[in-house]
Amino acid sequence: MFKSAWDGIHIISDSMKERVERSKNVGMTMVIDTCVGLQMLRDLLQISNKYIDHWKCSYGVSAVMPSNILHQKLEMLNEHNINTYPGGTLLEAAIIQKNCQSYMVRAKEIGFHSVEISDGTITLPSARRRNTILCALENGLTPITEVGKKDPLKQPSPNELADQILQDLYWGAEYVVVDARESGYGIGIFDEKGDLKMDVFSKLLSSAGKKVEKIIWEAPQKKQQVALIKHIGPNVNLGNVNPMDILSLESLRLGLQYETLRDIADESAKSGRWDPEAIEAIDKIENCSNIRKK
């Protein structure tokens, strides 16, 4: 069972307590794997498996990795109940080569739980997109679709993105990823500087309604993660998280970094729950002493 070294000390604000009690399908963190070796993965799982929900072998890395290494990685991830899938670009390559059906069969055989279905590079007609989702389901895989284009000059309109999200969910996608690539610049809900485009983001939020919990927002940059946490809350689904940023992101979600703690501190002071000038109660200090003795 997970135990923090700080158990017994109240450091999480009431507004963030919902994060502590989350389940595996709420407030998900999707990690992007571009070149993680076995030892690094063991280390990551040892210290942060509690905070990893999805693991994506980005674009085509699973095709250029030794098969025995890939199998071992997936076995380790599966032991921790982490959802695994290859990147959507690999499926697009299979579709071009007319190998979509065999791709699904092989993905299952390799040990992936899910597949990502996208058309970020190619053009995939609606009927083909729907059939690809159904093909994944028929082969015992969870379909996770991705919306958006890789080319910054070919970005869909907010309405097109919103419609595609709802359509994919209706067709059977379990989750929909809003593409931001591994850079987060000039794609999806982010502008050329990596800042949130409020017109696009607001449109997707309003269209999704309660289905927003089925959206995974790719946000590789810290400022993007902060912005989405502030707008949606600590249990926002975030993707394309660098493996080395897993614990950093979790501390952001819990209000334990400057970017999220400052708002909690300001609000607590304004509401009177915390007075910067007040001396800490003696019983609190005694409680600390008792914890040290234990």
C-alpha atoms as a PDB file:
ATOM      1  CA  MET A   1       0.000   0.000   0.000  1.00  0.00           C
ATOM      2  CA  PHE A   2       1.223   3.483  -0.843  1.00  0.00           C
ATOM      3  CA  LYS A   3       2.342   5.555   2.131  1.00  0.00           C
ATOM      4  CA  SER A   4       3.695   9.100   1.989  1.00  0.00           C
ATOM      5  CA  ALA A   5       6.481  10.228   4.282  1.00  0.00           C
ATOM      6  CA  TRP A   6       4.202  13.173   5.130  1.00  0.00           C
ATOM      7  CA  ASP A   7       1.190  11.140   6.263  1.00  0.00           C
ATOM      8  CA  GLY A   8      -0.320  12.686   9.385  1.00  0.00           C
ATOM      9  CA  ILE A   9       0.619  16.248   8.419  1.00  0.00           C
ATOM     10  CA  HIS A  10      -2.183  18.240   6.772  1.00  0.00           C
ATOM     11  CA  ILE A  11      -0.521  19.666   3.646  1.00  0.00           C
ATOM     12  CA  ILE A  12      -3.254  19.140   1.040  1.00  0.00           C
ATOM     13  CA  SER A  13      -5.908  21.859   0.851  1.00  0.00           C
ATOM     14  CA  ASP A  14      -9.605  20.966   0.967  1.00  0.00           C
ATOM     15  CA  SER A  15     -10.006  22.065  -2.664  1.00  0.00           C
ATOM     16  CA  MET A  16      -7.486  19.424  -3.759  1.00  0.00           C
ATOM     17  CA  LYS A  17      -8.670  16.510  -1.616  1.00  0.00           C
ATOM     18  CA  GLU A  18     -10.794  15.164  -4.482  1.00  0.00           C
ATOM     19  CA  ARG A  19      -7.503  14.384  -6.229  1.00  0.00           C
ATOM     20  CA  VAL A  20      -6.294  12.164  -3.406  1.00  0.00           C
ATOM     21  CA  GLU A  21      -9.422  10.011  -3.574  1.00  0.00           C
ATOM     22  CA  ARG A  22      -9.557   9.639  -7.373  1.00  0.00           C
ATOM     23  CA  SER A  23     -10.048   6.340  -9.185  1.00  0.00           C
ATOM     24  CA  LYS A  24      -8.027   5.068 -12.155  1.00  0.00           C
ATOM     25  CA  ASN A  25     -10.448   6.495 -14.730  1.00  0.00           C
ATOM     26  CA  VAL A  26     -10.608  10.036 -13.337  1.00  0.00           C
ATOM     27  CA  GLY A  27      -7.883  12.644 -13.554  1.00  0.00           C
ATOM     28  CA  MET A  28      -5.751  10.444 -15.763  1.00  0.00           C
ATOM     29  CA  THR A  29      -2.110  10.995 -16.621  1.00  0.00           C
ATOM     30  CA  MET A  30      -0.992   9.655 -19.987  1.00  0.00           C
ATOM     31  CA  VAL A  31       2.786   9.292 -20.254  1.00  0.00           C
ATOM     32  CA  ILE A  32       4.490   9.535 -23.642  1.00  0.00           C
ATOM     33  CA  ASP A  33       7.306   7.028 -24.165  1.00  0.00           C
ATOM     34  CA  THR A  34       9.849   7.947 -26.837  1.00  0.00           C
ATOM     35  CA  CYS A  35      12.811   5.886 -25.565  1.00  0.00           C
ATOM     36  CA  VAL A  36      12.389   4.460 -22.059  1.00  0.00           C
ATOM     37  CA  GLY A  37      14.561   1.440 -21.244  1.00  0.00           C
ATOM     38  CA  LEU A  38      13.755  -1.425 -18.904  1.00  0.00           C
ATOM     39  CA  GLN A  39      15.744  -0.174 -15.919  1.00  0.00           C
ATOM     40  CA  MET A  40      14.357   3.341 -16.250  1.00  0.00           C
ATOM     41  CA  LEU A  41      10.840   1.924 -16.443  1.00  0.00           C
ATOM     42  CA  ARG A  42      11.415  -0.180 -13.310  1.00  0.00           C
ATOM     43  CA  ASP A  43      12.592   2.921 -11.464  1.00  0.00           C
ATOM     44  CA  LEU A  44       9.655   4.994 -12.692  1.00  0.00           C
ATOM     45  CA  LEU A  45       7.123   2.348 -11.682  1.00  0.00           C
ATOM     46  CA  GLN A  46       8.754   1.946  -8.281  1.00  0.00           C
ATOM     47  CA  ILE A  47       8.280   5.603  -7.378  1.00  0.00           C
ATOM     48  CA  SER A  48       5.342   6.773  -9.494  1.00  0.00           C
ATOM     49  CA  ASN A  49       3.128   3.879 -10.698  1.00  0.00           C
ATOM     50  CA  LYS A  50       0.285   5.257  -8.551  1.00  0.00           C
ATOM     51  CA  TYR A  51       0.125   8.305 -10.802  1.00  0.00           C
ATOM     52  CA  ILE A  52       0.348   6.659 -14.246  1.00  0.00           C
ATOM     53  CA  ASP A  53      -2.900   5.662 -15.950  1.00  0.00           C
ATOM     54  CA  HIS A  54      -2.027   5.456 -19.643  1.00  0.00           C
ATOM     55  CA  TRP A  55       1.324   4.688 -21.280  1.00  0.00           C
ATOM     56  CA  LYS A  56       1.670   5.523 -24.975  1.00  0.00           C
ATOM     57  CA  CYS A  57       4.552   4.201 -27.060  1.00  0.00           C
ATOM     58  CA  SER A  58       4.614   7.331 -29.182  1.00  0.00           C
ATOM     59  CA  TYR A  59       4.315   7.366 -32.986  1.00  0.00           C
ATOM     60  CA  GLY A  60       6.308   4.372 -34.316  1.00  0.00           C
ATOM     61  CA  VAL A  61       8.805   3.679 -31.519  1.00  0.00           C
ATOM     62  CA  SER A  62       7.259   0.280 -30.732  1.00  0.00           C
ATOM     63  CA  ALA A  63       8.089  -0.808 -34.315  1.00  0.00           C
ATOM     64  CA  VAL A  64      11.800   0.052 -34.046  1.00  0.00           C
ATOM     65  CA  MET A  65      12.315  -1.342 -30.539  1.00  0.00           C
ATOM     66  CA  PRO A  66      13.565  -4.916 -29.972  1.00  0.00           C
ATOM     67  CA  SER A  67      10.467  -7.090 -29.585  1.00  0.00           C
ATOM     68  CA  ASN A  68      11.707  -8.795 -26.406  1.00  0.00           C
ATOM     69  CA  ILE A  69      12.233  -5.407 -24.746  1.00  0.00           C
ATOM     70  CA  LEU A  70       8.767  -4.227 -25.786  1.00  0.00           C
ATOM     71  CA  HIS A  71       7.164  -7.390 -24.389  1.00  0.00           C
ATOM     72  CA  GLN A  72       8.974  -6.970 -21.067  1.00  0.00           C
ATOM     73  CA  LYS A  73       7.947  -3.329 -20.828  1.00  0.00           C
ATOM     74  CA  LEU A  74       4.303  -4.133 -21.477  1.00  0.00           C
ATOM     75  CA  GLU A  75       4.375  -6.938 -18.917  1.00  0.00           C
ATOM     76  CA  MET A  76       5.699  -4.543 -16.263  1.00  0.00           C
ATOM     77  CA  LEU A  77       3.099  -1.918 -17.105  1.00  0.00           C
ATOM     78  CA  ASN A  78       0.285  -4.473 -17.166  1.00  0.00           C
ATOM     79  CA  GLU A  79       1.280  -5.669 -13.688  1.00  0.00           C
ATOM     80  CA  HIS A  80       0.457  -2.173 -12.436  1.00  0.00           C
ATOM     81  CA  ASN A  81      -2.878  -2.002 -14.275  1.00  0.00           C
ATOM     82  CA  ILE A  82      -1.617   0.740 -16.609  1.00  0.00           C
ATOM     83  CA  ASN A  83      -3.381   1.054 -19.967  1.00  0.00           C
ATOM     84  CA  THR A  84      -0.913   0.665 -22.847  1.00  0.00           C
ATOM     85  CA  TYR A  85      -1.138   1.533 -26.545  1.00  0.00           C
ATOM     86  CA  PRO A  86       0.995   2.335 -29.582  1.00  0.00           C
ATOM     87  CA  GLY A  87       0.838   5.821 -31.094  1.00  0.00           C
ATOM     88  CA  GLY A  88      -1.737   6.630 -33.738  1.00  0.00           C
ATOM     89  CA  THR A  89       0.853   7.460 -36.408  1.00  0.00           C
ATOM     90  CA  LEU A  90       1.869   3.784 -36.482  1.00  0.00           C
ATOM     91  CA  LEU A  91      -1.718   2.799 -37.265  1.00  0.00           C
ATOM     92  CA  GLU A  92      -1.867   5.444 -39.996  1.00  0.00           C
ATOM     93  CA  ALA A  93       1.206   3.843 -41.585  1.00  0.00           C
ATOM     94  CA  ALA A  94      -0.540   0.443 -41.422  1.00  0.00           C
ATOM     95  CA  ILE A  95      -3.671   1.874 -43.044  1.00  0.00           C
ATOM     96  CA  ILE A  96      -1.626   3.283 -45.940  1.00  0.00           C
ATOM     97  CA  GLN A  97      -0.155  -0.210 -46.457  1.00  0.00           C
ATOM     98  CA  LYS A  98      -3.673  -1.762 -46.252  1.00  0.00           C
ATOM     99  CA  ASN A  99      -2.816  -3.623 -43.065  1.00  0.00           C
ATOM    100  CA  CYS A 100      -5.336  -2.200 -40.585  1.00  0.00           C
ATOM    101  CA  GLN A 101      -6.948  -5.556 -39.724  1.00  0.00           C
ATOM    102  CA  SER A 102      -3.662  -7.381 -39.177  1.00  0.00           C
ATOM    103  CA  TYR A 103      -2.361  -4.404 -37.178  1.00  0.00           C
ATOM    104  CA  MET A 104      -5.201  -4.824 -34.667  1.00  0.00           C
ATOM    105  CA  VAL A 105      -4.564  -8.560 -34.323  1.00  0.00           C
ATOM    106  CA  ARG A 106      -0.840  -8.018 -33.798  1.00  0.00           C
ATOM    107  CA  ALA A 107      -1.365  -5.203 -31.261  1.00  0.00           C
ATOM    108  CA  LYS A 108      -3.429  -7.603 -29.154  1.00  0.00           C
ATOM    109  CA  GLU A 109      -0.856 -10.389 -29.527  1.00  0.00           C
ATOM    110  CA  ILE A 110       1.991  -8.089 -28.497  1.00  0.00           C
ATOM    111  CA  GLY A 111       0.187  -7.229 -25.270  1.00  0.00           C
ATOM    112  CA  PHE A 112      -1.286  -3.767 -25.798  1.00  0.00           C
ATOM    113  CA  HIS A 113      -4.615  -3.091 -24.082  1.00  0.00           C
ATOM    114  CA  SER A 114      -5.688  -0.311 -26.443  1.00  0.00           C
ATOM    115  CA  VAL A 115      -4.937   1.306 -29.782  1.00  0.00           C
ATOM    116  CA  GLU A 116      -4.853   4.973 -30.692  1.00  0.00           C
ATOM    117  CA  ILE A 117      -6.789   5.825 -33.846  1.00  0.00           C
ATOM    118  CA  SER A 118      -5.877   9.069 -35.566  1.00  0.00           C
ATOM    119  CA  ASP A 119      -5.649  10.847 -38.897  1.00  0.00           C
ATOM    120  CA  GLY A 120      -3.121  13.476 -37.934  1.00  0.00           C
ATOM    121  CA  THR A 121      -1.060  12.819 -41.056  1.00  0.00           C
ATOM    122  CA  ILE A 122      -3.419  11.074 -43.493  1.00  0.00           C
ATOM    123  CA  THR A 123      -6.996  11.848 -44.517  1.00  0.00           C
ATOM    124  CA  LEU A 124      -9.382   9.282 -43.106  1.00  0.00           C
ATOM    125  CA  PRO A 125     -13.003   9.461 -44.336  1.00  0.00           C
ATOM    126  CA  SER A 126     -15.694   9.235 -41.654  1.00  0.00           C
ATOM    127  CA  ALA A 127     -16.769   5.724 -42.671  1.00  0.00           C
ATOM    128  CA  ARG A 128     -13.176   4.459 -42.439  1.00  0.00           C
ATOM    129  CA  ARG A 129     -12.702   6.115 -39.049  1.00  0.00           C
ATOM    130  CA  ARG A 130     -15.849   4.500 -37.718  1.00  0.00           C
ATOM    131  CA  ASN A 131     -14.869   1.081 -39.122  1.00  0.00           C
ATOM    132  CA  THR A 132     -11.417   1.366 -37.545  1.00  0.00           C
ATOM    133  CA  ILE A 133     -12.993   1.992 -34.128  1.00  0.00           C
ATOM    134  CA  LEU A 134     -15.255  -1.034 -34.624  1.00  0.00           C
ATOM    135  CA  CYS A 135     -12.288  -3.132 -35.799  1.00  0.00           C
ATOM    136  CA  ALA A 136     -10.428  -2.359 -32.576  1.00  0.00           C
ATOM    137  CA  LEU A 137     -13.446  -3.382 -30.500  1.00  0.00           C
ATOM    138  CA  GLU A 138     -13.887  -6.606 -32.467  1.00  0.00           C
ATOM    139  CA  ASN A 139     -10.286  -7.535 -31.716  1.00  0.00           C
ATOM    140  CA  GLY A 140     -10.648  -6.980 -27.979  1.00  0.00           C
ATOM    141  CA  LEU A 141      -8.837  -3.635 -27.899  1.00  0.00           C
ATOM    142  CA  THR A 142     -10.018  -0.390 -26.355  1.00  0.00           C
ATOM    143  CA  PRO A 143     -10.242   2.307 -29.045  1.00  0.00           C
ATOM    144  CA  ILE A 144      -8.782   5.678 -28.081  1.00  0.00           C
ATOM    145  CA  THR A 145      -9.098   8.229 -30.859  1.00  0.00           C
ATOM    146  CA  GLU A 146      -7.128  11.394 -31.421  1.00  0.00           C
ATOM    147  CA  VAL A 147      -8.430  14.591 -33.024  1.00  0.00           C
ATOM    148  CA  GLY A 148      -6.343  17.248 -34.751  1.00  0.00           C
ATOM    149  CA  LYS A 149      -3.710  17.478 -37.465  1.00  0.00           C
ATOM    150  CA  LYS A 150       0.070  17.358 -37.061  1.00  0.00           C
ATOM    151  CA  ASP A 151       0.615  20.178 -39.564  1.00  0.00           C
ATOM    152  CA  PRO A 152       0.089  23.571 -37.840  1.00  0.00           C
ATOM    153  CA  LEU A 153      -1.227  24.943 -41.166  1.00  0.00           C
ATOM    154  CA  LYS A 154      -3.982  22.315 -41.402  1.00  0.00           C
ATOM    155  CA  GLN A 155      -5.665  22.660 -38.024  1.00  0.00           C
ATOM    156  CA  PRO A 156      -9.396  21.831 -37.911  1.00  0.00           C
ATOM    157  CA  SER A 157     -11.796  24.540 -36.766  1.00  0.00           C
ATOM    158  CA  PRO A 158     -13.105  24.465 -33.183  1.00  0.00           C
ATOM    159  CA  ASN A 159     -16.470  23.246 -34.489  1.00  0.00           C
ATOM    160  CA  GLU A 160     -14.847  20.446 -36.477  1.00  0.00           C
ATOM    161  CA  LEU A 161     -12.829  19.314 -33.453  1.00  0.00           C
ATOM    162  CA  ALA A 162     -15.896  19.400 -31.202  1.00  0.00           C
ATOM    163  CA  ASP A 163     -18.021  17.452 -33.695  1.00  0.00           C
ATOM    164  CA  GLN A 164     -15.329  14.814 -34.161  1.00  0.00           C
ATOM    165  CA  ILE A 165     -14.949  14.289 -30.410  1.00  0.00           C
ATOM    166  CA  LEU A 166     -18.659  13.646 -29.947  1.00  0.00           C
ATOM    167  CA  GLN A 167     -18.854  11.497 -33.077  1.00  0.00           C
ATOM    168  CA  ASP A 168     -15.944   9.288 -31.980  1.00  0.00           C
ATOM    169  CA  LEU A 169     -17.482   8.744 -28.551  1.00  0.00           C
ATOM    170  CA  TYR A 170     -20.801   7.841 -30.193  1.00  0.00           C
ATOM    171  CA  TRP A 171     -19.052   5.325 -32.448  1.00  0.00           C
ATOM    172  CA  GLY A 172     -17.469   3.596 -29.465  1.00  0.00           C
ATOM    173  CA  ALA A 173     -14.212   5.357 -28.609  1.00  0.00           C
ATOM    174  CA  GLU A 174     -13.481   5.054 -24.889  1.00  0.00           C
ATOM    175  CA  TYR A 175     -11.486   8.300 -24.774  1.00  0.00           C
ATOM    176  CA  VAL A 176     -10.603  11.053 -27.222  1.00  0.00           C
ATOM    177  CA  VAL A 177      -7.185  12.673 -27.179  1.00  0.00           C
ATOM    178  CA  VAL A 178      -6.837  16.309 -28.274  1.00  0.00           C
ATOM    179  CA  ASP A 179      -3.538  16.352 -30.144  1.00  0.00           C
ATOM    180  CA  ALA A 180      -0.734  18.717 -29.141  1.00  0.00           C
ATOM    181  CA  ARG A 181       2.188  16.543 -30.310  1.00  0.00           C
ATOM    182  CA  GLU A 182       5.241  16.290 -28.063  1.00  0.00           C
ATOM    183  CA  SER A 183       6.014  20.004 -28.453  1.00  0.00           C
ATOM    184  CA  GLY A 184       2.681  21.682 -27.640  1.00  0.00           C
ATOM    185  CA  TYR A 185       3.267  24.508 -30.116  1.00  0.00           C
ATOM    186  CA  GLY A 186       0.755  25.710 -32.719  1.00  0.00           C
ATOM    187  CA  ILE A 187      -1.559  22.714 -32.586  1.00  0.00           C
ATOM    188  CA  GLY A 188      -4.917  21.811 -31.067  1.00  0.00           C
ATOM    189  CA  ILE A 189      -5.841  24.109 -28.199  1.00  0.00           C
ATOM    190  CA  PHE A 190      -2.408  25.801 -28.087  1.00  0.00           C
ATOM    191  CA  ASP A 191      -1.059  28.698 -30.126  1.00  0.00           C
ATOM    192  CA  GLU A 192       2.427  29.157 -31.610  1.00  0.00           C
ATOM    193  CA  LYS A 193       3.795  30.166 -28.188  1.00  0.00           C
ATOM    194  CA  GLY A 194       2.255  27.163 -26.463  1.00  0.00           C
ATOM    195  CA  ASP A 195      -0.415  29.250 -24.727  1.00  0.00           C
ATOM    196  CA  LEU A 196      -4.039  28.173 -24.411  1.00  0.00           C
ATOM    197  CA  LYS A 197      -6.322  29.331 -27.230  1.00  0.00           C
ATOM    198  CA  MET A 198      -9.413  30.152 -25.200  1.00  0.00           C
ATOM    199  CA  ASP A 199     -11.801  30.246 -28.176  1.00  0.00           C
ATOM    200  CA  VAL A 200     -10.938  26.675 -29.186  1.00  0.00           C
ATOM    201  CA  PHE A 201     -10.726  25.381 -25.622  1.00  0.00           C
ATOM    202  CA  SER A 202     -14.042  26.976 -24.587  1.00  0.00           C
ATOM    203  CA  LYS A 203     -15.798  25.539 -27.625  1.00  0.00           C
ATOM    204  CA  LEU A 204     -14.607  22.015 -26.864  1.00  0.00           C
ATOM    205  CA  LEU A 205     -15.577  22.343 -23.197  1.00  0.00           C
ATOM    206  CA  SER A 206     -19.073  23.644 -23.916  1.00  0.00           C
ATOM    207  CA  SER A 207     -19.710  21.019 -26.617  1.00  0.00           C
ATOM    208  CA  ALA A 208     -18.446  18.110 -24.523  1.00  0.00           C
ATOM    209  CA  GLY A 209     -20.498  18.917 -21.428  1.00  0.00           C
ATOM    210  CA  LYS A 210     -20.307  15.990 -19.007  1.00  0.00           C
ATOM    211  CA  LYS A 211     -18.339  14.027 -21.591  1.00  0.00           C
ATOM    212  CA  VAL A 212     -15.322  16.218 -20.823  1.00  0.00           C
ATOM    213  CA  GLU A 213     -14.150  13.415 -18.512  1.00  0.00           C
ATOM    214  CA  LYS A 214     -13.664  11.336 -21.685  1.00  0.00           C
ATOM    215  CA  ILE A 215     -11.235  13.882 -23.171  1.00  0.00           C
ATOM    216  CA  ILE A 216      -7.474  13.566 -22.668  1.00  0.00           C
ATOM    217  CA  TRP A 217      -5.762  16.903 -23.287  1.00  0.00           C
ATOM    218  CA  GLU A 218      -2.209  16.551 -24.516  1.00  0.00           C
ATOM    219  CA  ALA A 219      -0.186  19.117 -22.566  1.00  0.00           C
ATOM    220  CA  PRO A 220       3.559  18.437 -22.674  1.00  0.00           C
ATOM    221  CA  GLN A 221       4.576  21.794 -21.204  1.00  0.00           C
ATOM    222  CA  LYS A 222       4.282  22.742 -17.542  1.00  0.00           C
ATOM    223  CA  LYS A 223       2.477  26.033 -18.249  1.00  0.00           C
ATOM    224  CA  GLN A 224      -0.095  24.095 -20.282  1.00  0.00           C
ATOM    225  CA  GLN A 225      -0.666  21.630 -17.465  1.00  0.00           C
ATOM    226  CA  VAL A 226      -1.090  24.536 -15.022  1.00  0.00           C
ATOM    227  CA  ALA A 227      -3.615  26.273 -17.291  1.00  0.00           C
ATOM    228  CA  LEU A 228      -5.752  23.145 -17.696  1.00  0.00           C
ATOM    229  CA  ILE A 229      -5.652  22.348 -13.969  1.00  0.00           C
ATOM    230  CA  LYS A 230      -6.862  25.870 -13.213  1.00  0.00           C
ATOM    231  CA  HIS A 231      -9.689  25.740 -15.770  1.00  0.00           C
ATOM    232  CA  ILE A 232     -10.930  22.175 -15.218  1.00  0.00           C
ATOM    233  CA  GLY A 233      -9.547  21.194 -11.820  1.00  0.00           C
ATOM    234  CA  PRO A 234      -6.953  18.769 -10.398  1.00  0.00           C
ATOM    235  CA  ASN A 235      -8.686  15.772 -11.988  1.00  0.00           C
ATOM    236  CA  VAL A 236      -8.308  16.936 -15.585  1.00  0.00           C
ATOM    237  CA  ASN A 237      -7.046  14.196 -17.928  1.00  0.00           C
ATOM    238  CA  LEU A 238      -3.595  15.170 -19.210  1.00  0.00           C
ATOM    239  CA  GLY A 239      -1.500  13.506 -21.897  1.00  0.00           C
ATOM    240  CA  ASN A 240       1.949  13.513 -23.493  1.00  0.00           C
ATOM    241  CA  VAL A 241       3.510  13.875 -20.062  1.00  0.00           C
ATOM    242  CA  ASN A 242       7.262  13.336 -20.068  1.00  0.00           C
ATOM    243  CA  PRO A 243       8.237  10.292 -17.953  1.00  0.00           C
ATOM    244  CA  MET A 244      10.504  12.505 -15.853  1.00  0.00           C
ATOM    245  CA  ASP A 245       7.603  14.868 -15.069  1.00  0.00           C
ATOM    246  CA  ILE A 246       5.165  12.361 -13.531  1.00  0.00           C
ATOM    247  CA  LEU A 247       5.739  13.357  -9.903  1.00  0.00           C
ATOM    248  CA  SER A 248       6.091  17.015 -10.830  1.00  0.00           C
ATOM    249  CA  LEU A 249       2.653  16.956 -12.475  1.00  0.00           C
ATOM    250  CA  GLU A 250       1.098  15.208  -9.486  1.00  0.00           C
ATOM    251  CA  SER A 251       2.462  17.868  -7.139  1.00  0.00           C
ATOM    252  CA  LEU A 252       0.961  20.519  -9.445  1.00  0.00           C
ATOM    253  CA  ARG A 253      -2.414  18.776  -9.272  1.00  0.00           C
ATOM    254  CA  LEU A 254      -2.243  18.752  -5.465  1.00  0.00           C
ATOM    255  CA  GLY A 255      -1.353  22.430  -5.158  1.00  0.00           C
ATOM    256  CA  LEU A 256       2.180  21.702  -4.004  1.00  0.00           C
ATOM    257  CA  GLN A 257       4.004  23.921  -6.490  1.00  0.00           C
ATOM    258  CA  TYR A 258       4.097  27.698  -6.774  1.00  0.00           C
ATOM    259  CA  GLU A 259       1.874  27.807  -9.873  1.00  0.00           C
ATOM    260  CA  THR A 260      -1.055  26.120  -8.106  1.00  0.00           C
ATOM    261  CA  LEU A 261      -0.273  26.861  -4.446  1.00  0.00           C
ATOM    262  CA  ARG A 262      -0.345  30.648  -4.903  1.00  0.00           C
ATOM    263  CA  ASP A 263      -4.057  30.641  -5.799  1.00  0.00           C
ATOM    264  CA  ILE A 264      -4.852  28.424  -2.805  1.00  0.00           C
ATOM    265  CA  ALA A 265      -2.873  30.741  -0.512  1.00  0.00           C
ATOM    266  CA  ASP A 266      -4.569  33.885  -1.870  1.00  0.00           C
ATOM    267  CA  GLU A 267      -8.039  32.394  -1.599  1.00  0.00           C
ATOM    268  CA  SER A 268      -7.385  31.075   1.926  1.00  0.00           C
ATOM    269  CA  ALA A 269      -6.189  34.480   3.090  1.00  0.00           C
ATOM    270  CA  LYS A 270      -9.145  36.310   1.511  1.00  0.00           C
ATOM    271  CA  SER A 271     -11.696  33.914   3.003  1.00  0.00           C
ATOM    272  CA  GLY A 272     -10.132  34.113   6.452  1.00  0.00           C
ATOM    273  CA  ARG A 273      -9.275  30.413   6.645  1.00  0.00           C
ATOM    274  CA  TRP A 274      -5.629  31.389   6.945  1.00  0.00           C
ATOM    275  CA  ASP A 275      -4.196  34.480   8.596  1.00  0.00           C
ATOM    276  CA  PRO A 276      -0.517  35.075   7.751  1.00  0.00           C
ATOM    277  CA  GLU A 277      -0.127  37.019  11.021  1.00  0.00           C
ATOM    278  CA  ALA A 278      -1.714  34.408  13.279  1.00  0.00           C
ATOM    279  CA  ILE A 279       0.481  32.262  15.528  1.00  0.00           C
ATOM    280  CA  GLU A 280       0.014  28.518  15.097  1.00  0.00           C
ATOM    281  CA  ALA A 281      -2.104  26.900  17.793  1.00  0.00           C
ATOM    282  CA  ILE A 282      -0.214  25.097  20.574  1.00  0.00           C
ATOM    283  CA  ASP A 283      -2.182  21.872  20.116  1.00  0.00           C
ATOM    284  CA  LYS A 284      -0.983  21.682  16.493  1.00  0.00           C
ATOM    285  CA  ILE A 285       2.609  21.925  17.672  1.00  0.00           C
ATOM    286  CA  GLU A 286       1.989  19.212  20.289  1.00  0.00           C
ATOM    287  CA  ASN A 287       0.487  16.973  17.598  1.00  0.00           C
ATOM    288  CA  CYS A 288       3.676  17.375  15.558  1.00  0.00           C
ATOM    289  CA  SER A 289       5.702  16.260  18.563  1.00  0.00           C
ATOM    290  CA  ASN A 290       3.540  13.188  18.964  1.00  0.00           C
ATOM    291  CA  ILE A 291       4.001  12.270  15.306  1.00  0.00           C
ATOM    292  CA  ARG A 292       7.790  12.518  15.677  1.00  0.00           C
ATOM    293  CA  LYS A 293       7.703  10.195  18.690  1.00  0.00           C
ATOM    294  CA  LYS A 294       5.811   7.569  16.723  1.00  0.00           C
END
